[in-house]
N, C-alpha and C. Protein backbone atom coordinates (compact mmCIF):
# COMPACT_ATOMS: atom_id res chain seq x y z
N MET A 1 -145.64 -103.13 198.18
CA MET A 1 -144.35 -103.74 198.36
C MET A 1 -144.23 -105.21 197.97
N LYS A 2 -145.60 -105.79 197.80
CA LYS A 2 -145.82 -107.12 197.84
C LYS A 2 -145.53 -107.38 195.73
N THR A 3 -146.33 -105.75 195.20
CA THR A 3 -145.73 -106.17 194.01
C THR A 3 -144.37 -106.04 193.66
N SER A 4 -143.76 -104.92 194.07
CA SER A 4 -142.74 -104.68 193.77
C SER A 4 -141.67 -105.82 193.63
N ASN A 5 -141.71 -106.78 194.53
CA ASN A 5 -141.22 -108.30 194.81
C ASN A 5 -141.78 -108.81 193.40
N LEU A 6 -142.81 -109.17 193.19
CA LEU A 6 -143.16 -109.48 192.10
C LEU A 6 -142.85 -109.03 190.68
N ILE A 7 -142.71 -107.72 190.72
CA ILE A 7 -141.96 -107.15 189.78
C ILE A 7 -140.42 -107.45 189.43
N ALA A 8 -139.64 -107.45 190.70
CA ALA A 8 -138.63 -107.49 190.32
C ALA A 8 -137.86 -108.93 190.07
N ALA A 9 -138.96 -110.15 190.70
CA ALA A 9 -138.90 -111.62 190.23
C ALA A 9 -139.40 -112.09 189.15
N ALA A 10 -140.09 -111.11 188.35
CA ALA A 10 -140.45 -111.23 187.02
C ALA A 10 -139.27 -111.13 186.09
N ALA A 11 -138.46 -109.99 186.37
CA ALA A 11 -137.13 -108.95 185.92
C ALA A 11 -136.58 -110.18 185.65
N VAL A 12 -136.10 -111.06 187.36
CA VAL A 12 -134.56 -111.66 186.88
C VAL A 12 -135.08 -112.94 186.35
N VAL A 13 -136.69 -113.09 186.12
CA VAL A 13 -136.45 -114.59 185.59
C VAL A 13 -136.51 -114.30 183.98
N LEU A 14 -136.80 -113.04 183.14
CA LEU A 14 -137.13 -112.86 182.50
C LEU A 14 -135.43 -112.79 181.50
N PHE A 15 -134.38 -112.62 182.54
CA PHE A 15 -133.31 -112.00 182.42
C PHE A 15 -132.65 -113.61 182.23
N ALA A 16 -132.99 -114.34 182.99
CA ALA A 16 -132.19 -115.73 182.97
C ALA A 16 -133.08 -116.72 181.72
N VAL A 17 -134.23 -116.02 181.53
CA VAL A 17 -135.14 -116.77 180.48
C VAL A 17 -133.80 -115.89 179.11
N ALA A 18 -133.65 -115.31 179.22
CA ALA A 18 -133.35 -114.78 177.58
C ALA A 18 -131.47 -114.83 177.58
N GLY A 19 -131.41 -115.04 179.06
CA GLY A 19 -129.68 -115.83 178.70
C GLY A 19 -129.29 -117.04 179.04
N ALA A 20 -130.13 -117.65 178.78
CA ALA A 20 -130.07 -119.53 178.68
C ALA A 20 -130.64 -119.98 177.13
N GLN A 21 -129.87 -119.56 176.28
CA GLN A 21 -130.26 -119.65 174.91
C GLN A 21 -128.72 -120.79 174.71
N ALA A 22 -129.21 -122.13 174.42
CA ALA A 22 -128.45 -123.23 174.16
C ALA A 22 -127.92 -123.16 172.39
N GLU A 23 -126.54 -123.95 172.37
CA GLU A 23 -126.15 -123.92 171.11
C GLU A 23 -126.54 -125.14 170.56
N THR A 24 -126.61 -125.12 169.15
CA THR A 24 -127.17 -126.42 168.70
C THR A 24 -126.26 -127.92 168.91
N TYR A 25 -126.11 -128.94 169.00
CA TYR A 25 -125.17 -130.00 168.98
C TYR A 25 -125.45 -130.63 167.40
N GLU A 26 -124.22 -130.69 167.09
CA GLU A 26 -124.29 -131.41 164.73
C GLU A 26 -124.01 -132.84 165.57
N GLY A 27 -123.86 -133.11 166.61
CA GLY A 27 -122.96 -134.47 166.16
C GLY A 27 -121.21 -134.62 166.32
N VAL A 28 -120.85 -135.66 165.82
CA VAL A 28 -119.58 -136.04 165.32
C VAL A 28 -119.37 -135.56 163.90
N GLN A 29 -118.58 -134.75 163.63
CA GLN A 29 -118.08 -134.18 162.87
C GLN A 29 -117.62 -135.77 161.77
N PRO A 30 -118.20 -136.00 160.59
CA PRO A 30 -117.42 -137.13 159.49
C PRO A 30 -115.92 -137.25 159.27
N LEU A 31 -115.34 -137.61 158.62
CA LEU A 31 -114.06 -137.67 158.45
C LEU A 31 -113.79 -136.91 157.00
N THR A 32 -112.80 -136.61 157.02
CA THR A 32 -112.68 -136.07 155.30
C THR A 32 -111.47 -135.85 155.28
N HIS A 33 -110.66 -137.19 155.17
CA HIS A 33 -109.79 -136.67 154.82
C HIS A 33 -109.41 -138.21 154.07
N SER A 34 -108.53 -138.14 153.20
CA SER A 34 -108.21 -139.69 151.92
C SER A 34 -107.39 -140.30 152.21
N ARG A 35 -106.62 -140.05 153.36
CA ARG A 35 -105.00 -140.33 153.93
C ARG A 35 -105.64 -141.86 154.24
N ALA A 36 -104.28 -142.86 153.86
CA ALA A 36 -104.30 -144.21 155.00
C ALA A 36 -104.23 -144.14 156.35
N ARG A 37 -104.60 -144.95 156.98
CA ARG A 37 -104.22 -145.05 158.84
C ARG A 37 -102.40 -145.01 158.68
N ALA A 38 -102.01 -146.69 157.80
CA ALA A 38 -100.89 -146.45 158.20
C ALA A 38 -99.84 -145.18 157.65
N ASP A 39 -100.27 -144.75 156.48
CA ASP A 39 -99.55 -143.45 156.16
C ASP A 39 -99.38 -142.41 157.51
N VAL A 40 -100.47 -142.01 158.12
CA VAL A 40 -100.71 -141.26 158.86
C VAL A 40 -99.44 -141.59 160.05
N ALA A 41 -99.56 -142.95 160.57
CA ALA A 41 -99.42 -143.42 161.29
C ALA A 41 -97.67 -143.25 161.31
N SER A 42 -97.15 -144.10 159.88
CA SER A 42 -95.50 -143.57 160.08
C SER A 42 -95.31 -142.59 160.16
N GLU A 43 -96.00 -141.41 159.01
CA GLU A 43 -95.36 -140.23 159.83
C GLU A 43 -95.32 -139.40 160.98
N GLY A 44 -96.22 -140.12 161.79
CA GLY A 44 -96.34 -139.82 163.28
C GLY A 44 -95.25 -140.70 164.04
N ALA A 45 -94.80 -141.53 163.57
CA ALA A 45 -93.46 -142.30 164.53
C ALA A 45 -92.14 -141.50 163.69
N VAL A 46 -92.17 -140.85 162.51
CA VAL A 46 -91.40 -140.08 162.19
C VAL A 46 -91.36 -138.44 163.19
N ALA A 47 -92.54 -138.08 163.49
CA ALA A 47 -92.02 -136.71 163.72
C ALA A 47 -91.65 -137.25 165.27
N ALA A 48 -92.30 -138.43 165.73
CA ALA A 48 -91.55 -138.31 167.18
C ALA A 48 -90.50 -139.03 167.63
N ARG A 49 -89.51 -139.26 166.42
CA ARG A 49 -88.28 -139.07 166.61
C ARG A 49 -87.82 -138.12 166.37
N SER A 50 -87.91 -137.31 165.73
CA SER A 50 -87.00 -136.21 165.15
C SER A 50 -87.18 -134.95 166.45
N GLY A 51 -86.63 -134.21 166.29
CA GLY A 51 -85.98 -133.20 167.38
C GLY A 51 -87.38 -132.20 167.33
N ASN A 52 -87.65 -131.46 168.65
CA ASN A 52 -88.68 -130.56 168.11
C ASN A 52 -88.20 -128.89 167.58
N PRO A 53 -89.06 -129.06 166.36
CA PRO A 53 -88.31 -127.69 166.09
C PRO A 53 -89.09 -126.51 166.59
N TYR A 54 -89.28 -126.02 167.54
CA TYR A 54 -89.88 -125.04 167.56
C TYR A 54 -88.90 -124.88 169.28
N ALA A 55 -88.49 -125.47 169.55
CA ALA A 55 -87.44 -125.80 170.51
C ALA A 55 -86.28 -124.42 170.92
N ASP A 56 -86.44 -123.78 171.60
CA ASP A 56 -85.01 -122.71 171.36
C ASP A 56 -83.64 -123.64 171.34
N GLY A 57 -83.05 -122.55 170.54
CA GLY A 57 -82.23 -123.59 169.60
C GLY A 57 -81.69 -124.58 168.72
N ALA A 58 -82.75 -125.18 168.39
CA ALA A 58 -83.13 -126.56 167.73
C ALA A 58 -82.22 -126.76 166.40
N ALA A 59 -82.04 -125.31 165.82
CA ALA A 59 -81.14 -125.39 164.75
C ALA A 59 -79.41 -125.43 165.16
N ALA A 60 -79.65 -125.08 166.23
CA ALA A 60 -78.13 -124.43 166.25
C ALA A 60 -77.32 -125.70 166.34
N GLY A 61 -77.66 -126.47 166.63
CA GLY A 61 -76.51 -128.07 166.91
C GLY A 61 -76.21 -128.10 168.07
N VAL A 62 -74.84 -128.79 167.92
CA VAL A 62 -73.67 -129.09 169.28
C VAL A 62 -72.69 -127.96 169.23
N SER A 63 -72.88 -127.16 170.41
CA SER A 63 -72.33 -125.83 170.65
C SER A 63 -70.40 -126.60 170.86
N ALA A 64 -69.74 -125.91 170.87
CA ALA A 64 -68.36 -125.83 170.40
C ALA A 64 -67.67 -125.80 172.23
N ILE A 65 -66.49 -126.75 172.29
CA ILE A 65 -66.12 -126.22 173.49
C ILE A 65 -65.57 -125.03 173.85
N ALA A 66 -65.99 -124.37 174.96
CA ALA A 66 -65.45 -123.10 175.20
C ALA A 66 -63.91 -123.47 175.61
N SER A 67 -63.00 -122.65 174.84
CA SER A 67 -61.40 -122.72 176.00
C SER A 67 -61.06 -121.79 176.24
N SER A 68 -60.42 -121.48 177.33
CA SER A 68 -59.99 -120.73 177.89
C SER A 68 -58.08 -120.75 178.27
N ASN A 69 -57.72 -119.65 178.33
CA ASN A 69 -56.03 -119.78 178.80
C ASN A 69 -56.24 -119.03 180.44
N VAL A 70 -57.06 -119.03 180.97
CA VAL A 70 -56.85 -118.81 182.77
C VAL A 70 -56.66 -119.86 183.30
N ASP A 71 -55.90 -119.66 184.02
CA ASP A 71 -55.57 -121.12 185.22
C ASP A 71 -57.14 -120.99 186.28
N PRO A 72 -57.21 -122.34 186.08
CA PRO A 72 -58.37 -122.26 186.92
C PRO A 72 -57.93 -122.02 188.42
N ASN A 73 -57.24 -122.02 188.88
CA ASN A 73 -56.52 -121.67 189.89
C ASN A 73 -56.71 -119.86 190.77
N VAL A 74 -56.58 -119.26 189.59
CA VAL A 74 -56.46 -117.90 189.29
C VAL A 74 -58.42 -118.06 189.40
N VAL A 75 -59.03 -117.80 188.80
CA VAL A 75 -60.45 -118.32 188.84
C VAL A 75 -60.68 -118.34 189.99
N ARG A 76 -60.46 -119.49 191.12
CA ARG A 76 -60.89 -119.59 191.85
C ARG A 76 -60.57 -118.87 193.10
N ALA A 77 -59.30 -118.31 192.99
CA ALA A 77 -59.00 -117.27 194.09
C ALA A 77 -59.51 -115.98 193.70
N GLU A 78 -59.81 -115.95 192.69
CA GLU A 78 -60.83 -114.52 193.14
C GLU A 78 -62.11 -115.01 193.10
N ALA A 79 -62.41 -115.56 192.92
CA ALA A 79 -64.14 -116.18 193.62
C ALA A 79 -64.07 -116.35 195.13
N VAL A 80 -62.88 -116.78 195.15
CA VAL A 80 -63.15 -117.05 196.97
C VAL A 80 -62.93 -115.55 197.47
N ALA A 81 -62.12 -114.78 197.00
CA ALA A 81 -61.49 -113.37 197.31
C ALA A 81 -63.14 -112.37 197.35
N LYS A 82 -63.65 -112.73 196.22
CA LYS A 82 -64.96 -111.83 196.06
C LYS A 82 -66.12 -112.61 196.69
N ALA A 83 -66.04 -113.68 197.24
CA ALA A 83 -67.13 -113.75 198.22
C ALA A 83 -66.83 -113.54 199.65
N HIS A 84 -65.53 -113.55 199.86
CA HIS A 84 -65.34 -112.80 201.13
C HIS A 84 -64.91 -111.77 201.48
N ASP A 85 -65.20 -110.71 200.33
CA ASP A 85 -65.83 -109.29 200.83
C ASP A 85 -67.23 -108.41 200.80
N PRO A 86 -67.70 -108.16 201.78
CA PRO A 86 -68.67 -107.94 202.23
C PRO A 86 -69.37 -106.63 201.64
N LEU A 87 -68.26 -105.94 200.84
CA LEU A 87 -68.98 -105.10 200.25
C LEU A 87 -69.42 -105.04 198.50
N ALA A 88 -68.48 -106.54 198.40
CA ALA A 88 -68.61 -106.90 196.97
C ALA A 88 -69.53 -106.20 195.68
N SER A 89 -71.15 -107.10 196.57
CA SER A 89 -72.29 -107.01 196.38
C SER A 89 -73.05 -105.25 196.13
N LEU A 90 -72.48 -104.22 196.91
CA LEU A 90 -72.71 -103.40 197.32
C LEU A 90 -73.02 -102.36 195.97
N ASP A 91 -74.23 -102.04 195.48
CA ASP A 91 -74.12 -101.16 194.63
C ASP A 91 -75.32 -99.93 194.74
N ARG A 92 -74.68 -98.57 194.30
CA ARG A 92 -75.21 -97.70 195.02
C ARG A 92 -76.57 -97.69 194.59
N ARG A 93 -76.87 -97.72 193.41
CA ARG A 93 -78.45 -98.10 193.16
C ARG A 93 -79.03 -98.38 193.80
N ALA A 94 -78.91 -99.07 194.47
CA ALA A 94 -79.88 -99.66 195.61
C ALA A 94 -80.37 -98.50 196.72
N PHE A 95 -79.60 -97.66 196.35
CA PHE A 95 -79.66 -97.36 198.04
C PHE A 95 -80.28 -95.30 197.33
N TYR A 96 -81.33 -94.82 198.45
CA TYR A 96 -81.83 -93.96 198.03
C TYR A 96 -81.15 -92.78 197.85
N ARG A 97 -81.89 -92.04 196.71
CA ARG A 97 -80.88 -90.91 195.83
C ARG A 97 -79.42 -91.57 195.89
N ASP A 98 -78.80 -93.15 195.23
CA ASP A 98 -77.87 -93.37 194.75
C ASP A 98 -76.96 -92.87 195.50
N THR A 99 -76.85 -92.71 196.63
CA THR A 99 -76.04 -92.50 198.30
C THR A 99 -75.73 -93.72 199.20
N VAL A 100 -74.31 -94.08 198.91
CA VAL A 100 -74.17 -95.36 199.98
C VAL A 100 -74.06 -94.44 201.71
N PRO A 101 -75.18 -95.26 201.98
CA PRO A 101 -74.68 -94.56 204.02
C PRO A 101 -73.51 -94.99 203.82
N SER A 102 -73.47 -93.83 204.85
CA SER A 102 -71.90 -93.76 205.91
C SER A 102 -71.54 -95.17 206.52
N GLN A 103 -72.65 -95.93 206.93
CA GLN A 103 -71.96 -97.03 207.81
C GLN A 103 -71.63 -98.09 206.72
N TYR A 104 -71.40 -97.46 205.53
CA TYR A 104 -70.95 -98.94 204.77
C TYR A 104 -69.27 -98.02 203.71
N THR A 105 -69.50 -97.04 204.56
CA THR A 105 -67.75 -96.31 204.26
C THR A 105 -67.27 -96.01 205.19
N LYS A 106 -67.57 -96.29 206.52
CA LYS A 106 -66.55 -95.35 207.62
C LYS A 106 -66.50 -97.29 208.38
N GLY A 107 -65.75 -97.16 209.51
CA GLY A 107 -65.68 -97.65 210.28
C GLY A 107 -65.94 -99.44 210.08
N SER A 108 -65.80 -100.14 210.65
CA SER A 108 -64.65 -101.98 210.43
C SER A 108 -65.11 -101.76 209.05
N LEU A 109 -66.86 -101.74 207.94
CA LEU A 109 -66.51 -102.36 207.00
C LEU A 109 -65.31 -101.42 206.05
N ALA A 110 -65.23 -100.06 206.14
CA ALA A 110 -64.17 -99.57 205.15
C ALA A 110 -63.03 -100.22 205.35
N VAL A 111 -62.37 -100.78 206.87
CA VAL A 111 -61.34 -101.21 207.08
C VAL A 111 -60.80 -102.27 206.10
N ARG A 112 -61.96 -103.14 206.03
CA ARG A 112 -61.67 -104.73 205.51
C ARG A 112 -62.12 -104.16 204.03
N ARG A 113 -62.30 -102.87 203.48
CA ARG A 113 -62.65 -102.76 202.32
C ARG A 113 -60.99 -102.56 201.56
N GLN A 114 -60.59 -101.78 202.27
CA GLN A 114 -58.68 -101.66 201.79
C GLN A 114 -58.47 -102.50 202.07
N VAL A 115 -58.04 -103.10 203.14
CA VAL A 115 -57.52 -104.52 203.36
C VAL A 115 -57.20 -105.08 202.04
N ALA A 116 -58.93 -105.44 201.49
CA ALA A 116 -59.47 -106.56 200.51
C ALA A 116 -58.52 -105.94 199.66
N GLN A 117 -58.99 -104.80 198.92
CA GLN A 117 -58.29 -103.83 197.88
C GLN A 117 -56.49 -104.01 197.54
N ARG A 118 -56.23 -104.16 198.66
CA ARG A 118 -54.65 -104.19 198.70
C ARG A 118 -53.71 -105.39 198.31
């Protein structure tokens, strides 16, 4: 048993030594550009003041104001009626086998729906 432990420890040490290969450090790389610092600084200032060319809709510019012929009071009345309808968000795809349960189609909710549709 002592020999098997010794062999297992030696195998672990060999794996650790083989896996601990470090990369060489080459130091700081020398600068290879030939442009002046002032030129780079002025280009940076221009880039900072310009818009982000990678943003969504950056090239679209200012959008036109949407105009509508619908009376705001009519839209508000429709929104209030829809908000008070208990079955407005009822979607049959949300139920098992696309069948709306009977408790949503009969009783007080069905009466409310008929009154709201009038």
